[in-house]
Amino acid sequence: MRLARRLAALHPSGMIHGALVMGATLALLSHKTAAEVSLLGAGGVLTIYWLSHAYTHALGTGMDGDPDHLALRLGRSMRHEGPVFWGGLPPLVVCAVVLAAGGQVATAMLAGLWVTVVLMAGYGYLAAHQAGVSGWRAGAETAFAALLGLFMVALNTLLH
């Protein structure tokens, strides 16, 4: 129970955002033949998405009356929005590992997408737990999050 509480404090909604962005990016880049370009592009998309979340969060805290300079708010916001980056990183790492082991680009991207499905289910469960949802409702939220991941696997299939 303690582990579930600690994991729920990781801002699972941000992790869901990161996983969704990475999954969609992998699905769109999976047709590329240059693995390095695909992974660099996917990592770039994830980084830009995280930074845009941090920037908009920093702007929002300024509008809420935070008198600190934007750079200070941005630093705090980058830490606050860190789960967006960390949530999308595991599929990218899986892709890199598959490629390093000699796998094809399409295989690596598909492996990353399936990791995204599993992560989405886990992040969905954590979000439900954090919201105090239990029983079949928590199962439904977990299944819906996994379904979003499966949509990206379907997108990948449609693009090939």
C-alpha atoms as a PDB file:
ATOM      1  CA  MET A   1       0.000   0.000   0.000  1.00  0.00           C
ATOM      2  CA  ARG A   2       2.860   2.367   0.804  1.00  0.00           C
ATOM      3  CA  LEU A   3       4.368   1.799  -2.657  1.00  0.00           C
ATOM      4  CA  ALA A   4       1.029   2.530  -4.348  1.00  0.00           C
ATOM      5  CA  ARG A   5       0.758   5.785  -2.375  1.00  0.00           C
ATOM      6  CA  ARG A   6       4.293   6.824  -3.324  1.00  0.00           C
ATOM      7  CA  LEU A   7       3.700   5.989  -6.977  1.00  0.00           C
ATOM      8  CA  ALA A   8       0.395   7.864  -6.995  1.00  0.00           C
ATOM      9  CA  ALA A   9       2.236  10.972  -5.777  1.00  0.00           C
ATOM     10  CA  LEU A  10       4.263  10.925  -9.002  1.00  0.00           C
ATOM     11  CA  HIS A  11       1.661  12.966 -10.869  1.00  0.00           C
ATOM     12  CA  PRO A  12       0.236  10.095 -12.955  1.00  0.00           C
ATOM     13  CA  SER A  13      -1.739  12.453 -15.186  1.00  0.00           C
ATOM     14  CA  GLY A  14       1.553  13.974 -16.327  1.00  0.00           C
ATOM     15  CA  MET A  15       2.970  10.504 -16.889  1.00  0.00           C
ATOM     16  CA  ILE A  16      -0.086   9.654 -18.991  1.00  0.00           C
ATOM     17  CA  HIS A  17       0.546  12.772 -21.099  1.00  0.00           C
ATOM     18  CA  GLY A  18       4.151  11.766 -21.656  1.00  0.00           C
ATOM     19  CA  ALA A  19       3.291   8.185 -22.544  1.00  0.00           C
ATOM     20  CA  LEU A  20       0.576   9.316 -24.960  1.00  0.00           C
ATOM     21  CA  VAL A  21       2.889  11.741 -26.710  1.00  0.00           C
ATOM     22  CA  MET A  22       5.639   9.158 -26.993  1.00  0.00           C
ATOM     23  CA  GLY A  23       3.287   6.448 -28.216  1.00  0.00           C
ATOM     24  CA  ALA A  24       1.806   8.689 -30.889  1.00  0.00           C
ATOM     25  CA  THR A  25       5.273   9.829 -31.922  1.00  0.00           C
ATOM     26  CA  LEU A  26       6.552   6.257 -32.207  1.00  0.00           C
ATOM     27  CA  ALA A  27       3.508   5.281 -34.239  1.00  0.00           C
ATOM     28  CA  LEU A  28       4.119   8.150 -36.657  1.00  0.00           C
ATOM     29  CA  LEU A  29       7.888   7.655 -36.898  1.00  0.00           C
ATOM     30  CA  SER A  30       7.870   3.878 -37.151  1.00  0.00           C
ATOM     31  CA  HIS A  31       7.980   3.937 -40.946  1.00  0.00           C
ATOM     32  CA  LYS A  32      11.342   5.725 -40.963  1.00  0.00           C
ATOM     33  CA  THR A  33      14.376   3.722 -42.016  1.00  0.00           C
ATOM     34  CA  ALA A  34      17.017   5.643 -40.078  1.00  0.00           C
ATOM     35  CA  ALA A  35      16.625   4.459 -36.478  1.00  0.00           C
ATOM     36  CA  GLU A  36      18.789   7.248 -35.081  1.00  0.00           C
ATOM     37  CA  VAL A  37      16.682   9.921 -36.715  1.00  0.00           C
ATOM     38  CA  SER A  38      13.486   8.296 -35.458  1.00  0.00           C
ATOM     39  CA  LEU A  39      14.714   8.047 -31.873  1.00  0.00           C
ATOM     40  CA  LEU A  40      16.201  11.528 -31.934  1.00  0.00           C
ATOM     41  CA  GLY A  41      12.940  12.883 -33.328  1.00  0.00           C
ATOM     42  CA  ALA A  42      10.880  11.003 -30.722  1.00  0.00           C
ATOM     43  CA  GLY A  43      13.118  12.247 -27.905  1.00  0.00           C
ATOM     44  CA  GLY A  44      12.902  15.771 -29.277  1.00  0.00           C
ATOM     45  CA  VAL A  45       9.104  15.657 -29.392  1.00  0.00           C
ATOM     46  CA  LEU A  46       8.961  14.393 -25.809  1.00  0.00           C
ATOM     47  CA  THR A  47      11.374  17.081 -24.599  1.00  0.00           C
ATOM     48  CA  ILE A  48       9.525  19.882 -26.377  1.00  0.00           C
ATOM     49  CA  TYR A  49       6.200  18.634 -25.050  1.00  0.00           C
ATOM     50  CA  TRP A  50       7.573  18.542 -21.483  1.00  0.00           C
ATOM     51  CA  LEU A  51       9.085  22.020 -21.804  1.00  0.00           C
ATOM     52  CA  SER A  52       5.844  23.421 -23.213  1.00  0.00           C
ATOM     53  CA  HIS A  53       3.965  21.975 -20.232  1.00  0.00           C
ATOM     54  CA  ALA A  54       6.514  23.521 -17.876  1.00  0.00           C
ATOM     55  CA  TYR A  55       6.339  26.882 -19.633  1.00  0.00           C
ATOM     56  CA  THR A  56       2.552  27.064 -19.573  1.00  0.00           C
ATOM     57  CA  HIS A  57       2.548  25.979 -15.925  1.00  0.00           C
ATOM     58  CA  ALA A  58       5.069  28.725 -15.114  1.00  0.00           C
ATOM     59  CA  LEU A  59       2.943  31.283 -16.937  1.00  0.00           C
ATOM     60  CA  GLY A  60      -0.109  30.109 -15.021  1.00  0.00           C
ATOM     61  CA  THR A  61       1.614  30.471 -11.659  1.00  0.00           C
ATOM     62  CA  GLY A  62       2.555  34.023 -12.638  1.00  0.00           C
ATOM     63  CA  MET A  63      -1.063  34.797 -13.412  1.00  0.00           C
ATOM     64  CA  ASP A  64      -1.997  33.364 -10.023  1.00  0.00           C
ATOM     65  CA  GLY A  65       0.016  36.101  -8.346  1.00  0.00           C
ATOM     66  CA  ASP A  66       3.449  34.449  -7.999  1.00  0.00           C
ATOM     67  CA  PRO A  67       5.788  37.467  -8.031  1.00  0.00           C
ATOM     68  CA  ASP A  68       8.940  35.442  -8.819  1.00  0.00           C
ATOM     69  CA  HIS A  69      10.784  36.010 -12.063  1.00  0.00           C
ATOM     70  CA  LEU A  70       9.708  33.760 -14.927  1.00  0.00           C
ATOM     71  CA  ALA A  71      13.038  31.887 -14.829  1.00  0.00           C
ATOM     72  CA  LEU A  72      12.448  30.871 -11.199  1.00  0.00           C
ATOM     73  CA  ARG A  73       8.876  29.825 -11.908  1.00  0.00           C
ATOM     74  CA  LEU A  74      10.045  27.928 -14.974  1.00  0.00           C
ATOM     75  CA  GLY A  75      12.608  25.980 -12.931  1.00  0.00           C
ATOM     76  CA  ARG A  76       9.945  24.961 -10.418  1.00  0.00           C
ATOM     77  CA  SER A  77       7.546  24.139 -13.222  1.00  0.00           C
ATOM     78  CA  MET A  78      10.109  21.946 -14.987  1.00  0.00           C
ATOM     79  CA  ARG A  79      10.358  19.850 -11.820  1.00  0.00           C
ATOM     80  CA  HIS A  80       6.586  19.857 -11.374  1.00  0.00           C
ATOM     81  CA  GLU A  81       5.995  18.746 -14.967  1.00  0.00           C
ATOM     82  CA  GLY A  82       8.900  16.263 -14.917  1.00  0.00           C
ATOM     83  CA  PRO A  83       6.499  13.289 -14.931  1.00  0.00           C
ATOM     84  CA  VAL A  84       5.464  14.276 -18.467  1.00  0.00           C
ATOM     85  CA  PHE A  85       9.044  13.572 -19.551  1.00  0.00           C
ATOM     86  CA  TRP A  86       9.584  10.530 -17.320  1.00  0.00           C
ATOM     87  CA  GLY A  87       6.253   9.018 -18.329  1.00  0.00           C
ATOM     88  CA  GLY A  88       7.238   8.926 -21.980  1.00  0.00           C
ATOM     89  CA  LEU A  89      10.859   7.893 -21.541  1.00  0.00           C
ATOM     90  CA  PRO A  90      10.463   4.090 -21.013  1.00  0.00           C
ATOM     91  CA  PRO A  91       9.067   3.382 -24.518  1.00  0.00           C
ATOM     92  CA  LEU A  92      11.921   5.380 -26.024  1.00  0.00           C
ATOM     93  CA  VAL A  93      14.475   3.410 -23.983  1.00  0.00           C
ATOM     94  CA  VAL A  94      12.866   0.121 -25.051  1.00  0.00           C
ATOM     95  CA  CYS A  95      13.169   1.186 -28.698  1.00  0.00           C
ATOM     96  CA  ALA A  96      16.832   2.035 -28.212  1.00  0.00           C
ATOM     97  CA  VAL A  97      17.530  -1.309 -26.518  1.00  0.00           C
ATOM     98  CA  VAL A  98      15.807  -3.287 -29.293  1.00  0.00           C
ATOM     99  CA  LEU A  99      17.788  -1.377 -31.923  1.00  0.00           C
ATOM    100  CA  ALA A 100      21.047  -1.842 -30.013  1.00  0.00           C
ATOM    101  CA  ALA A 101      20.330  -5.576 -29.944  1.00  0.00           C
ATOM    102  CA  GLY A 102      20.091  -5.550 -33.753  1.00  0.00           C
ATOM    103  CA  GLY A 103      16.318  -5.294 -34.157  1.00  0.00           C
ATOM    104  CA  GLN A 104      14.613  -3.595 -37.072  1.00  0.00           C
ATOM    105  CA  VAL A 105      13.205  -0.078 -36.694  1.00  0.00           C
ATOM    106  CA  ALA A 106       9.600  -1.269 -37.082  1.00  0.00           C
ATOM    107  CA  THR A 107      10.152  -3.968 -34.449  1.00  0.00           C
ATOM    108  CA  ALA A 108      11.716  -1.498 -32.034  1.00  0.00           C
ATOM    109  CA  MET A 109       8.896   1.000 -32.483  1.00  0.00           C
ATOM    110  CA  LEU A 110       6.265  -1.703 -32.017  1.00  0.00           C
ATOM    111  CA  ALA A 111       7.988  -2.874 -28.832  1.00  0.00           C
ATOM    112  CA  GLY A 112       7.928   0.714 -27.586  1.00  0.00           C
ATOM    113  CA  LEU A 113       4.240   0.968 -28.431  1.00  0.00           C
ATOM    114  CA  TRP A 114       3.395  -2.186 -26.476  1.00  0.00           C
ATOM    115  CA  VAL A 115       5.357  -0.823 -23.531  1.00  0.00           C
ATOM    116  CA  THR A 116       3.232   2.307 -23.888  1.00  0.00           C
ATOM    117  CA  VAL A 117       0.054   0.208 -23.609  1.00  0.00           C
ATOM    118  CA  VAL A 118       1.306  -1.395 -20.387  1.00  0.00           C
ATOM    119  CA  LEU A 119       2.436   1.953 -18.984  1.00  0.00           C
ATOM    120  CA  MET A 120      -0.876   3.577 -19.844  1.00  0.00           C
ATOM    121  CA  ALA A 121      -2.705   0.869 -17.900  1.00  0.00           C
ATOM    122  CA  GLY A 122      -0.367   1.331 -14.941  1.00  0.00           C
ATOM    123  CA  TYR A 123      -0.560   5.115 -15.005  1.00  0.00           C
ATOM    124  CA  GLY A 124      -4.344   4.902 -15.354  1.00  0.00           C
ATOM    125  CA  TYR A 125      -4.522   2.687 -12.280  1.00  0.00           C
ATOM    126  CA  LEU A 126      -2.302   5.080 -10.333  1.00  0.00           C
ATOM    127  CA  ALA A 127      -4.456   8.031 -11.339  1.00  0.00           C
ATOM    128  CA  ALA A 128      -7.586   6.161 -10.252  1.00  0.00           C
ATOM    129  CA  HIS A 129      -5.937   5.220  -6.958  1.00  0.00           C
ATOM    130  CA  GLN A 130      -4.849   8.819  -6.412  1.00  0.00           C
ATOM    131  CA  ALA A 131      -8.427   9.979  -7.015  1.00  0.00           C
ATOM    132  CA  GLY A 132      -9.712   7.477  -4.447  1.00  0.00           C
ATOM    133  CA  VAL A 133     -11.430   5.312  -7.063  1.00  0.00           C
ATOM    134  CA  SER A 134     -11.580   1.581  -6.365  1.00  0.00           C
ATOM    135  CA  GLY A 135     -13.308  -1.588  -7.497  1.00  0.00           C
ATOM    136  CA  TRP A 136     -14.727  -1.897 -10.968  1.00  0.00           C
ATOM    137  CA  ARG A 137     -14.442   1.857 -11.552  1.00  0.00           C
ATOM    138  CA  ALA A 138     -10.675   1.680 -11.050  1.00  0.00           C
ATOM    139  CA  GLY A 139     -10.639  -1.251 -13.463  1.00  0.00           C
ATOM    140  CA  ALA A 140     -12.614   0.763 -15.997  1.00  0.00           C
ATOM    141  CA  GLU A 141     -10.221   3.721 -15.713  1.00  0.00           C
ATOM    142  CA  THR A 142      -7.257   1.367 -16.080  1.00  0.00           C
ATOM    143  CA  ALA A 143      -8.831  -0.291 -19.131  1.00  0.00           C
ATOM    144  CA  PHE A 144      -9.635   3.067 -20.747  1.00  0.00           C
ATOM    145  CA  ALA A 145      -6.032   4.223 -20.328  1.00  0.00           C
ATOM    146  CA  ALA A 146      -4.800   0.968 -21.878  1.00  0.00           C
ATOM    147  CA  LEU A 147      -7.296   1.448 -24.716  1.00  0.00           C
ATOM    148  CA  LEU A 148      -5.704   4.805 -25.530  1.00  0.00           C
ATOM    149  CA  GLY A 149      -2.394   2.963 -25.843  1.00  0.00           C
ATOM    150  CA  LEU A 150      -4.014   0.368 -28.096  1.00  0.00           C
ATOM    151  CA  PHE A 151      -5.256   3.174 -30.350  1.00  0.00           C
ATOM    152  CA  MET A 152      -1.616   4.045 -30.990  1.00  0.00           C
ATOM    153  CA  VAL A 153      -0.813   0.433 -31.860  1.00  0.00           C
ATOM    154  CA  ALA A 154      -3.768   0.577 -34.284  1.00  0.00           C
ATOM    155  CA  LEU A 155      -2.476   3.874 -35.735  1.00  0.00           C
ATOM    156  CA  ASN A 156       0.909   2.228 -36.289  1.00  0.00           C
ATOM    157  CA  THR A 157      -0.813  -0.690 -38.067  1.00  0.00           C
ATOM    158  CA  LEU A 158      -2.857   1.647 -40.265  1.00  0.00           C
ATOM    159  CA  LEU A 159       0.242   3.571 -41.316  1.00  0.00           C
ATOM    160  CA  HIS A 160       1.973   0.424 -42.558  1.00  0.00           C
END
